[in-house]
Protein backbone atom coordinates (compact mmCIF):
# COMPACT_ATOMS: atom_id res chain seq x y z
CA UNK A 1 0.00 0.00 0.00
CA UNK A 2 1.20 3.51 -0.74
CA UNK A 3 -0.23 6.96 -0.42
CA UNK A 4 0.82 10.15 -2.23
CA UNK A 5 1.63 12.99 0.19
CA UNK A 6 0.48 16.41 -1.04
CA UNK A 7 0.56 19.20 1.54
CA UNK A 8 -2.63 21.31 1.57
CA UNK A 9 -2.38 24.45 -0.52
CA UNK A 10 0.77 23.39 -2.37
CA UNK A 11 0.87 23.55 -6.16
CA UNK A 12 0.49 20.05 -7.65
CA UNK A 13 3.91 18.97 -9.00
CA UNK A 14 4.20 17.98 -12.66
CA UNK A 15 5.78 14.62 -13.37
CA UNK A 16 6.58 13.63 -9.79
CA UNK A 17 5.13 13.44 -6.27
CA UNK A 18 6.21 15.50 -3.26
CA UNK A 19 6.15 12.46 -1.01
CA UNK A 20 4.93 8.87 -0.82
CA UNK A 21 4.07 6.79 2.21
CA UNK A 22 4.50 3.07 1.52
CA UNK A 23 4.32 -0.29 3.23
CA UNK A 24 5.38 -3.63 1.77
CA UNK A 25 8.28 -5.54 0.21
CA UNK A 26 11.07 -3.15 -0.80
CA UNK A 27 13.09 -3.48 -4.02
CA UNK A 28 16.17 -1.38 -4.73
CA UNK A 29 17.35 -1.01 -8.31
CA UNK A 30 20.96 0.05 -8.87
CA UNK A 31 21.83 2.96 -11.10
CA UNK A 32 20.88 1.87 -14.60
CA UNK A 33 22.24 3.36 -17.82
CA UNK A 34 20.89 3.28 -21.36
CA UNK A 35 22.57 0.18 -22.67
CA UNK A 36 21.00 -3.12 -23.72
CA UNK A 37 21.20 -6.55 -22.08
CA UNK A 38 24.69 -7.06 -23.59
CA UNK A 39 25.96 -3.84 -21.96
CA UNK A 40 26.12 -2.17 -25.38
CA UNK A 41 24.84 1.31 -26.17
CA UNK A 42 22.61 1.37 -29.23
CA UNK A 43 22.31 5.17 -29.31
CA UNK A 44 24.01 8.33 -28.11
CA UNK A 45 20.69 10.20 -28.19
CA UNK A 46 19.71 11.45 -24.73
CA UNK A 47 16.02 10.55 -24.99
CA UNK A 48 16.87 7.18 -26.53
CA UNK A 49 19.16 6.40 -23.62
CA UNK A 50 16.46 7.48 -21.16
CA UNK A 51 13.97 5.12 -22.83
CA UNK A 52 16.39 2.19 -22.57
CA UNK A 53 17.31 3.09 -18.98
CA UNK A 54 13.64 3.08 -17.95
CA UNK A 55 13.12 -0.25 -19.75
CA UNK A 56 16.11 -1.68 -17.86
CA UNK A 57 14.53 -0.62 -14.57
CA UNK A 58 11.19 -2.24 -15.52
CA UNK A 59 12.93 -5.47 -16.56
CA UNK A 60 14.85 -5.56 -13.28
CA UNK A 61 11.66 -5.02 -11.26
CA UNK A 62 10.00 -7.87 -13.15
CA UNK A 63 12.61 -10.23 -11.66
CA UNK A 64 10.93 -9.56 -8.29
CA UNK A 65 7.36 -9.79 -9.68
CA UNK A 66 7.07 -6.02 -9.52
CA UNK A 67 6.24 -3.39 -12.11
CA UNK A 68 6.60 0.31 -12.74
CA UNK A 69 3.45 0.99 -10.71
CA UNK A 70 5.42 -0.08 -7.61
CA UNK A 71 8.17 2.54 -8.01
CA UNK A 72 8.12 5.01 -5.12
CA UNK A 73 11.41 6.85 -5.73
CA UNK A 74 13.71 7.62 -8.64
CA UNK A 75 16.96 9.57 -8.73
CA UNK A 76 18.09 10.75 -12.16
CA UNK A 77 21.75 11.61 -12.75
CA UNK A 78 22.30 13.50 -16.01
CA UNK A 79 25.39 15.00 -17.62
CA UNK A 80 23.49 17.96 -19.04
CA UNK A 81 20.48 19.44 -17.25
CA UNK A 82 19.91 21.82 -20.17
CA UNK A 83 19.37 18.90 -22.54
CA UNK A 84 17.00 17.34 -19.99
CA UNK A 85 14.99 20.56 -19.77
CA UNK A 86 15.04 21.24 -23.52
CA UNK A 87 13.74 17.75 -24.27
CA UNK A 88 11.26 17.52 -21.38
CA UNK A 89 8.24 17.04 -23.65
CA UNK A 90 9.90 14.11 -25.48
CA UNK A 91 11.02 12.67 -22.16
CA UNK A 92 7.48 12.87 -20.82
CA UNK A 93 6.22 10.86 -23.79
CA UNK A 94 8.93 8.22 -23.33
CA UNK A 95 8.33 8.10 -19.56
CA UNK A 96 4.61 7.47 -20.03
CA UNK A 97 5.33 4.88 -22.74
CA UNK A 98 7.55 2.84 -20.39
CA UNK A 99 6.39 3.71 -16.85
CA UNK A 100 2.82 4.88 -17.47
CA UNK A 101 0.98 7.65 -15.65
CA UNK A 102 2.68 6.84 -12.35
CA UNK A 103 4.72 9.62 -10.73
CA UNK A 104 6.91 8.63 -7.79
CA UNK A 105 9.11 10.89 -5.71
CA UNK A 106 11.96 12.04 -7.96
CA UNK A 107 15.19 13.98 -7.85
CA UNK A 108 17.35 15.16 -10.75
CA UNK A 109 21.06 15.79 -10.32
CA UNK A 110 23.49 17.10 -12.92
CA UNK A 111 26.82 15.33 -12.57
CA UNK A 112 30.26 16.04 -14.02
CA UNK A 113 30.45 12.54 -15.49
CA UNK A 114 29.19 8.98 -15.23
CA UNK A 115 31.27 5.80 -14.97
CA UNK A 116 30.24 4.67 -18.46
CA UNK A 117 31.70 7.19 -20.91
CA UNK A 118 28.83 6.96 -23.44
CA UNK A 119 26.11 7.19 -20.77
CA UNK A 120 24.18 10.45 -20.70
CA UNK A 121 21.83 9.40 -17.89
CA UNK A 122 21.80 7.02 -14.94
CA UNK A 123 18.68 6.32 -12.89
CA UNK A 124 18.25 4.61 -9.51
CA UNK A 125 14.83 3.36 -8.43
CA UNK A 126 13.17 2.09 -5.27
CA UNK A 127 9.93 0.14 -5.42
CA UNK A 128 7.53 -1.11 -2.76
CA UNK A 129 5.19 -4.03 -3.48
CA UNK A 130 2.21 -3.99 -1.08
CA UNK A 131 1.94 -6.80 1.51
């Protein structure tokens, strides 16, 4: 079970939740990048890598009989926040395609670099499957 926390009078956030209260089996997904199952990048396009990264998270959750609807927290690490902001509309479409209309608690951090040289994004996720 989980419950979105929205303080009274606050503006409704777009694309994320301010807080989530959850109870159940917890699943932690390591930072995923936009490569395929063979650890090979198929694109250097930012949105393309985001799509693959989100798919990798969903596939990892499936190993624990969980899905994107169970995600309660995501942390995005990007090399270029300006590209993220400039392509927000495209990202929203890709996000809904892979995750659906489910908006967990999120944070976005611009980093100097990622371990994988070709990676433009890395995303960590936490999921809670109700008891």
